[in-house]
Amino acid sequence: GWGQPLSPWLICILDSFSARNALLGHGVSYSVLDASQTNRPRVWLNRLQDEITRYSYRQLSVHFGFMGGGNFHFSAPLPVPRSDAAVAVGRERMGELAAVAKLPVGLENLAFAFGLNDVEEQGAFLDELLEPVAGFLLLDLHNLYCQSCNFQVKLLDLVGRYPLDR
């Protein structure tokens, strides 16, 4: 709801969960693999900092992937091919996120993939990004199911490619 007024009933729910230390945060548009030199990630982190002073979160997760093309951010995050440069950008963004949040941070796996290679490497890619911040994996089973169907990969084989210890 950043920048938009929240309904009173939603504020009541957020206050209630926050007071009971039961509020889990999940961001969609942080764009952990955004390598642009814009101030968009900094603006997002500033808004997060304001949010964290208002509510008490137990943990915070964000979507793995890229969102940074104008109004495209109203859609789903896109995958980025695994490379040394992409890992470096993702680790930097996750470090910035952890520094602002000051609580456990994690990443959610994507449903979308450009090709089988993206599907096969996503678990290892996530692990590389999460390792420096001791992050957790938010394993979205529906997203795994989508990849399994779209790329004819057995679901259990796909699950085995993820860092389930996270």
Protein backbone atom coordinates (compact mmCIF):
# COMPACT_ATOMS: atom_id res chain seq x y z
CA GLY A 1 0.00 0.00 0.00
CA TRP A 2 2.99 2.36 -0.14
CA GLY A 3 1.81 5.71 -1.41
CA GLN A 4 -1.83 4.64 -1.29
CA PRO A 5 -4.23 5.00 1.63
CA LEU A 6 -5.01 1.73 3.42
CA SER A 7 -8.53 0.75 4.40
CA PRO A 8 -9.25 1.05 8.15
CA TRP A 9 -10.02 -2.68 8.37
CA LEU A 10 -6.64 -3.52 6.83
CA ILE A 11 -4.84 -1.20 9.24
CA CYS A 12 -6.63 -2.98 12.10
CA ILE A 13 -5.46 -6.39 10.84
CA LEU A 14 -1.88 -5.20 10.35
CA ASP A 15 -1.84 -3.64 13.84
CA SER A 16 -3.21 -6.84 15.36
CA PHE A 17 -0.68 -9.15 13.70
CA SER A 18 2.15 -6.71 14.41
CA ALA A 19 1.24 -6.51 18.11
CA ARG A 20 1.34 -10.33 18.34
CA ASN A 21 4.68 -10.60 16.53
CA ALA A 22 2.93 -12.57 13.81
CA LEU A 23 3.35 -10.27 10.81
CA LEU A 24 5.28 -11.65 7.85
CA GLY A 25 6.25 -9.16 5.15
CA HIS A 26 6.39 -9.98 1.45
CA GLY A 27 7.40 -7.50 -1.24
CA VAL A 28 6.79 -7.90 -4.94
CA SER A 29 8.52 -4.98 -6.63
CA TYR A 30 11.95 -4.68 -4.97
CA SER A 31 13.55 -6.19 -8.09
CA VAL A 32 16.47 -7.98 -6.50
CA LEU A 33 18.15 -8.50 -9.88
CA ASP A 34 17.77 -4.91 -11.11
CA ALA A 35 21.22 -3.71 -12.21
CA SER A 36 20.06 -0.28 -13.34
CA GLN A 37 21.59 2.87 -11.93
CA THR A 38 18.22 4.45 -11.11
CA ASN A 39 17.12 5.41 -7.62
CA ARG A 40 14.18 2.97 -7.79
CA PRO A 41 15.69 0.38 -5.37
CA ARG A 42 16.66 3.14 -2.92
CA VAL A 43 13.12 4.58 -3.00
CA TRP A 44 11.73 1.10 -2.31
CA LEU A 45 14.13 0.60 0.61
CA ASN A 46 13.24 4.01 2.05
CA ARG A 47 9.57 3.06 1.97
CA LEU A 48 10.43 -0.25 3.61
CA GLN A 49 12.28 1.61 6.36
CA ASP A 50 9.16 3.71 7.01
CA GLU A 51 7.01 0.56 7.01
CA ILE A 52 9.26 -1.19 9.53
CA THR A 53 8.94 1.73 11.95
CA ARG A 54 5.14 1.41 11.73
CA TYR A 55 4.80 -2.37 12.03
CA SER A 56 6.80 -5.12 13.70
CA TYR A 57 7.64 -7.83 11.17
CA ARG A 58 9.09 -11.24 12.00
CA GLN A 59 10.66 -11.65 8.58
CA LEU A 60 10.60 -10.20 5.09
CA SER A 61 10.69 -11.94 1.74
CA VAL A 62 10.72 -10.56 -1.79
CA HIS A 63 10.30 -12.04 -5.24
CA PHE A 64 13.33 -13.36 -7.03
CA GLY A 65 13.74 -11.80 -10.45
CA PHE A 66 13.65 -8.47 -12.23
CA MET A 67 11.05 -5.72 -12.31
CA GLY A 68 12.19 -2.39 -13.60
CA GLY A 69 10.63 -1.34 -16.89
CA GLY A 70 8.36 1.64 -16.28
CA ASN A 71 4.78 0.56 -15.66
CA PHE A 72 5.82 -3.04 -16.26
CA HIS A 73 6.19 -3.32 -12.48
CA PHE A 74 2.45 -4.00 -12.32
CA SER A 75 3.16 -7.48 -13.69
CA ALA A 76 5.07 -10.54 -12.53
CA PRO A 77 8.85 -10.49 -12.06
CA LEU A 78 10.93 -11.79 -14.95
CA PRO A 79 13.78 -14.27 -14.61
CA VAL A 80 17.38 -13.28 -15.25
CA PRO A 81 19.86 -15.84 -16.59
CA ARG A 82 22.31 -17.00 -13.93
CA SER A 83 25.73 -15.41 -14.41
CA ASP A 84 28.52 -14.05 -12.21
CA ALA A 85 27.29 -10.51 -12.88
CA ALA A 86 23.67 -11.36 -11.98
CA VAL A 87 24.80 -13.10 -8.78
CA ALA A 88 26.87 -10.05 -7.82
CA VAL A 89 23.91 -7.69 -8.38
CA GLY A 90 21.54 -9.97 -6.47
CA ARG A 91 23.92 -10.32 -3.53
CA GLU A 92 24.36 -6.56 -3.37
CA ARG A 93 20.59 -5.98 -3.41
CA MET A 94 19.99 -8.67 -0.78
CA GLY A 95 22.67 -7.10 1.41
CA GLU A 96 20.98 -3.71 1.09
CA LEU A 97 17.62 -5.30 1.93
CA ALA A 98 19.00 -7.06 5.01
CA ALA A 99 20.74 -3.88 6.20
CA VAL A 100 17.51 -1.88 6.06
CA ALA A 101 15.16 -4.60 7.32
CA LYS A 102 17.36 -5.74 10.23
CA LEU A 103 15.44 -9.00 10.33
CA PRO A 104 15.54 -12.34 8.47
CA VAL A 105 15.18 -11.84 4.71
CA GLY A 106 14.35 -14.33 2.00
CA LEU A 107 13.45 -14.88 -1.62
CA GLU A 108 10.44 -16.51 -3.28
CA ASN A 109 11.01 -18.70 -6.33
CA LEU A 110 9.49 -17.66 -9.65
CA ALA A 111 6.83 -19.43 -11.69
CA PHE A 112 7.96 -17.88 -14.96
CA ALA A 113 11.04 -18.98 -16.87
CA PHE A 114 12.35 -18.22 -20.34
CA GLY A 115 13.71 -21.72 -20.83
CA LEU A 116 14.60 -25.04 -19.28
CA ASN A 117 18.01 -23.72 -18.20
CA ASP A 118 16.29 -21.04 -16.04
CA VAL A 119 14.16 -23.79 -14.47
CA GLU A 120 17.11 -26.07 -13.78
CA GLU A 121 19.33 -23.36 -12.29
CA GLN A 122 16.86 -21.33 -10.25
CA GLY A 123 17.40 -23.25 -7.01
CA ALA A 124 21.19 -22.89 -7.15
CA PHE A 125 20.86 -19.23 -8.17
CA LEU A 126 18.60 -18.54 -5.18
CA ASP A 127 21.04 -20.31 -2.87
CA GLU A 128 23.91 -18.13 -4.12
CA LEU A 129 21.91 -14.96 -3.41
CA LEU A 130 20.71 -16.08 0.01
CA GLU A 131 24.02 -17.42 1.35
CA PRO A 132 25.73 -14.09 2.23
CA VAL A 133 22.72 -12.85 4.23
CA ALA A 134 21.88 -16.28 5.74
CA GLY A 135 18.55 -15.82 4.00
CA PHE A 136 15.58 -18.14 3.79
CA LEU A 137 13.75 -19.62 0.82
CA LEU A 138 10.03 -18.97 0.50
CA LEU A 139 9.22 -22.01 -1.64
CA ASP A 140 6.04 -21.28 -3.59
CA LEU A 141 4.68 -24.69 -4.55
CA HIS A 142 2.30 -23.28 -7.15
CA ASN A 143 5.25 -21.59 -8.86
CA LEU A 144 7.08 -24.93 -8.90
CA TYR A 145 3.99 -26.62 -10.33
CA CYS A 146 3.83 -24.03 -13.13
CA GLN A 147 7.44 -24.69 -14.08
CA SER A 148 6.90 -28.44 -13.89
CA CYS A 149 3.95 -28.26 -16.28
CA ASN A 150 5.41 -25.65 -18.62
CA PHE A 151 8.75 -27.42 -19.05
CA GLN A 152 7.71 -31.07 -18.57
CA VAL A 153 9.98 -31.54 -15.55
CA LYS A 154 8.92 -33.97 -12.83
CA LEU A 155 7.84 -31.96 -9.81
CA LEU A 156 9.91 -33.96 -7.30
CA ASP A 157 12.99 -33.63 -9.52
CA LEU A 158 12.44 -29.89 -9.56
CA VAL A 159 11.96 -29.67 -5.79
CA GLY A 160 15.28 -31.48 -5.33
CA ARG A 161 17.08 -28.65 -7.13
CA TYR A 162 16.18 -26.11 -4.41
CA PRO A 163 18.08 -25.38 -1.19
CA LEU A 164 15.42 -26.90 1.05
CA ASP A 165 17.65 -26.42 4.11
CA ARG A 166 16.89 -22.69 3.76
